[in-house]
Amino acid sequence: MSATLLLNPLRAIMDPEEYLSQEDLAKRWKVSLWTIRRKRQSGELPAFQVSRNLFRFKLKDILAIEKNSQMSPAIAPRRNTTKKTKQ
């Protein structure tokens, strides 16, 4: 069962202090929008579906995830970006 629930659309859109959009969460965690979508679709991130393509995340859920992971981007594995140099 997906963690996506239908939410009162006006409340989720009108109250940005309680809910974050996928874009806001991606900026907050410094990850791509696709990472957020993938984690939402897999059920790792509890989300509320406002409309067909509009999702929101409760700020208190995000804060709990950040607290448990000690740092916000830690929930999304980073790729190794260091380049190997020839010697």
C-alpha atoms as a PDB file:
ATOM      1  CA  MET A   1       0.000   0.000   0.000  1.00  0.00           C
ATOM      2  CA  SER A   2       1.325   3.424  -0.943  1.00  0.00           C
ATOM      3  CA  ALA A   3       1.968   6.121   1.635  1.00  0.00           C
ATOM      4  CA  THR A   4       0.184   8.598  -0.632  1.00  0.00           C
ATOM      5  CA  LEU A   5      -3.120   9.869   0.732  1.00  0.00           C
ATOM      6  CA  LEU A   6      -5.645  12.288  -0.717  1.00  0.00           C
ATOM      7  CA  LEU A   7      -5.564  15.571   1.181  1.00  0.00           C
ATOM      8  CA  ASN A   8      -7.780  18.625   1.291  1.00  0.00           C
ATOM      9  CA  PRO A   9      -6.225  20.525  -1.642  1.00  0.00           C
ATOM     10  CA  LEU A  10      -6.781  24.017  -0.281  1.00  0.00           C
ATOM     11  CA  ARG A  11      -5.142  23.298   3.051  1.00  0.00           C
ATOM     12  CA  ALA A  12      -2.023  21.792   1.482  1.00  0.00           C
ATOM     13  CA  ILE A  13      -1.632  24.603  -1.014  1.00  0.00           C
ATOM     14  CA  MET A  14      -2.542  27.475   1.292  1.00  0.00           C
ATOM     15  CA  ASP A  15      -0.473  26.438   4.300  1.00  0.00           C
ATOM     16  CA  PRO A  16       3.179  26.331   3.159  1.00  0.00           C
ATOM     17  CA  GLU A  17       4.389  26.337   6.770  1.00  0.00           C
ATOM     18  CA  GLU A  18       2.918  22.862   7.341  1.00  0.00           C
ATOM     19  CA  TYR A  19       3.507  21.260   3.933  1.00  0.00           C
ATOM     20  CA  LEU A  20       6.352  21.140   1.405  1.00  0.00           C
ATOM     21  CA  SER A  21       6.118  20.561  -2.326  1.00  0.00           C
ATOM     22  CA  GLN A  22       8.364  18.064  -4.094  1.00  0.00           C
ATOM     23  CA  GLU A  23      10.384  20.995  -5.468  1.00  0.00           C
ATOM     24  CA  ASP A  24      10.776  22.580  -2.026  1.00  0.00           C
ATOM     25  CA  LEU A  25      11.908  19.288  -0.523  1.00  0.00           C
ATOM     26  CA  ALA A  26      14.426  18.694  -3.323  1.00  0.00           C
ATOM     27  CA  LYS A  27      15.920  22.150  -2.711  1.00  0.00           C
ATOM     28  CA  ARG A  28      15.949  21.645   1.050  1.00  0.00           C
ATOM     29  CA  TRP A  29      17.820  18.336   0.781  1.00  0.00           C
ATOM     30  CA  LYS A  30      19.932  19.399  -2.218  1.00  0.00           C
ATOM     31  CA  VAL A  31      18.868  16.407  -4.283  1.00  0.00           C
ATOM     32  CA  SER A  32      17.169  16.107  -7.644  1.00  0.00           C
ATOM     33  CA  LEU A  33      13.433  16.227  -8.085  1.00  0.00           C
ATOM     34  CA  TRP A  34      13.656  12.678  -9.482  1.00  0.00           C
ATOM     35  CA  THR A  35      15.178  11.471  -6.199  1.00  0.00           C
ATOM     36  CA  ILE A  36      12.213  12.895  -4.287  1.00  0.00           C
ATOM     37  CA  ARG A  37       9.735  11.370  -6.744  1.00  0.00           C
ATOM     38  CA  ARG A  38      11.450   7.984  -6.599  1.00  0.00           C
ATOM     39  CA  LYS A  39      11.423   7.969  -2.789  1.00  0.00           C
ATOM     40  CA  ARG A  40       7.773   9.051  -2.749  1.00  0.00           C
ATOM     41  CA  GLN A  41       6.767   6.336  -5.221  1.00  0.00           C
ATOM     42  CA  SER A  42       8.668   3.662  -3.288  1.00  0.00           C
ATOM     43  CA  GLY A  43       6.949   4.671  -0.045  1.00  0.00           C
ATOM     44  CA  GLU A  44      10.127   5.930   1.657  1.00  0.00           C
ATOM     45  CA  LEU A  45       8.610   9.416   1.875  1.00  0.00           C
ATOM     46  CA  PRO A  46       5.047   9.758   3.171  1.00  0.00           C
ATOM     47  CA  ALA A  47       3.187  12.090   0.812  1.00  0.00           C
ATOM     48  CA  PHE A  48      -0.279  13.517   0.361  1.00  0.00           C
ATOM     49  CA  GLN A  49      -1.780  13.608  -3.090  1.00  0.00           C
ATOM     50  CA  VAL A  50      -3.517  16.936  -3.652  1.00  0.00           C
ATOM     51  CA  SER A  51      -4.425  16.309  -7.290  1.00  0.00           C
ATOM     52  CA  ARG A  52      -3.382  13.965 -10.055  1.00  0.00           C
ATOM     53  CA  ASN A  53       0.200  15.265 -10.279  1.00  0.00           C
ATOM     54  CA  LEU A  54       0.473  17.401  -7.151  1.00  0.00           C
ATOM     55  CA  PHE A  55       1.937  16.006  -3.943  1.00  0.00           C
ATOM     56  CA  ARG A  56       2.776  17.539  -0.561  1.00  0.00           C
ATOM     57  CA  PHE A  57       4.881  16.388   2.365  1.00  0.00           C
ATOM     58  CA  LYS A  58       4.077  17.216   5.986  1.00  0.00           C
ATOM     59  CA  LEU A  59       6.843  19.314   7.473  1.00  0.00           C
ATOM     60  CA  LYS A  60       6.676  17.364  10.747  1.00  0.00           C
ATOM     61  CA  ASP A  61       7.293  14.093   8.824  1.00  0.00           C
ATOM     62  CA  ILE A  62      10.259  15.653   7.032  1.00  0.00           C
ATOM     63  CA  LEU A  63      11.703  16.979  10.301  1.00  0.00           C
ATOM     64  CA  ALA A  64      11.394  13.487  11.832  1.00  0.00           C
ATOM     65  CA  ILE A  65      13.214  11.936   8.862  1.00  0.00           C
ATOM     66  CA  GLU A  66      15.950  14.565   9.123  1.00  0.00           C
ATOM     67  CA  LYS A  67      16.307  13.964  12.845  1.00  0.00           C
ATOM     68  CA  ASN A  68      16.572  10.199  12.392  1.00  0.00           C
ATOM     69  CA  SER A  69      19.130  10.490   9.614  1.00  0.00           C
ATOM     70  CA  GLN A  70      21.218  13.132  11.462  1.00  0.00           C
ATOM     71  CA  MET A  71      21.470  15.170   8.257  1.00  0.00           C
ATOM     72  CA  SER A  72      18.851  15.763   5.620  1.00  0.00           C
ATOM     73  CA  PRO A  73      20.658  14.661   2.431  1.00  0.00           C
ATOM     74  CA  ALA A  74      21.800  11.442   4.118  1.00  0.00           C
ATOM     75  CA  ILE A  75      18.513   9.742   3.231  1.00  0.00           C
ATOM     76  CA  ALA A  76      19.451   9.961  -0.432  1.00  0.00           C
ATOM     77  CA  PRO A  77      22.646   8.131  -1.343  1.00  0.00           C
ATOM     78  CA  ARG A  78      25.116  10.360  -3.145  1.00  0.00           C
ATOM     79  CA  ARG A  79      27.129   9.275  -6.128  1.00  0.00           C
ATOM     80  CA  ASN A  80      30.880   9.326  -5.852  1.00  0.00           C
ATOM     81  CA  THR A  81      31.795  12.473  -7.769  1.00  0.00           C
ATOM     82  CA  THR A  82      35.551  12.325  -7.287  1.00  0.00           C
ATOM     83  CA  LYS A  83      37.477  11.715 -10.472  1.00  0.00           C
ATOM     84  CA  LYS A  84      40.333   9.300 -10.594  1.00  0.00           C
ATOM     85  CA  THR A  85      43.524  10.792 -11.939  1.00  0.00           C
ATOM     86  CA  LYS A  86      46.145   8.886 -13.858  1.00  0.00           C
ATOM     87  CA  GLN A  87      49.576   8.768 -12.281  1.00  0.00           C
END
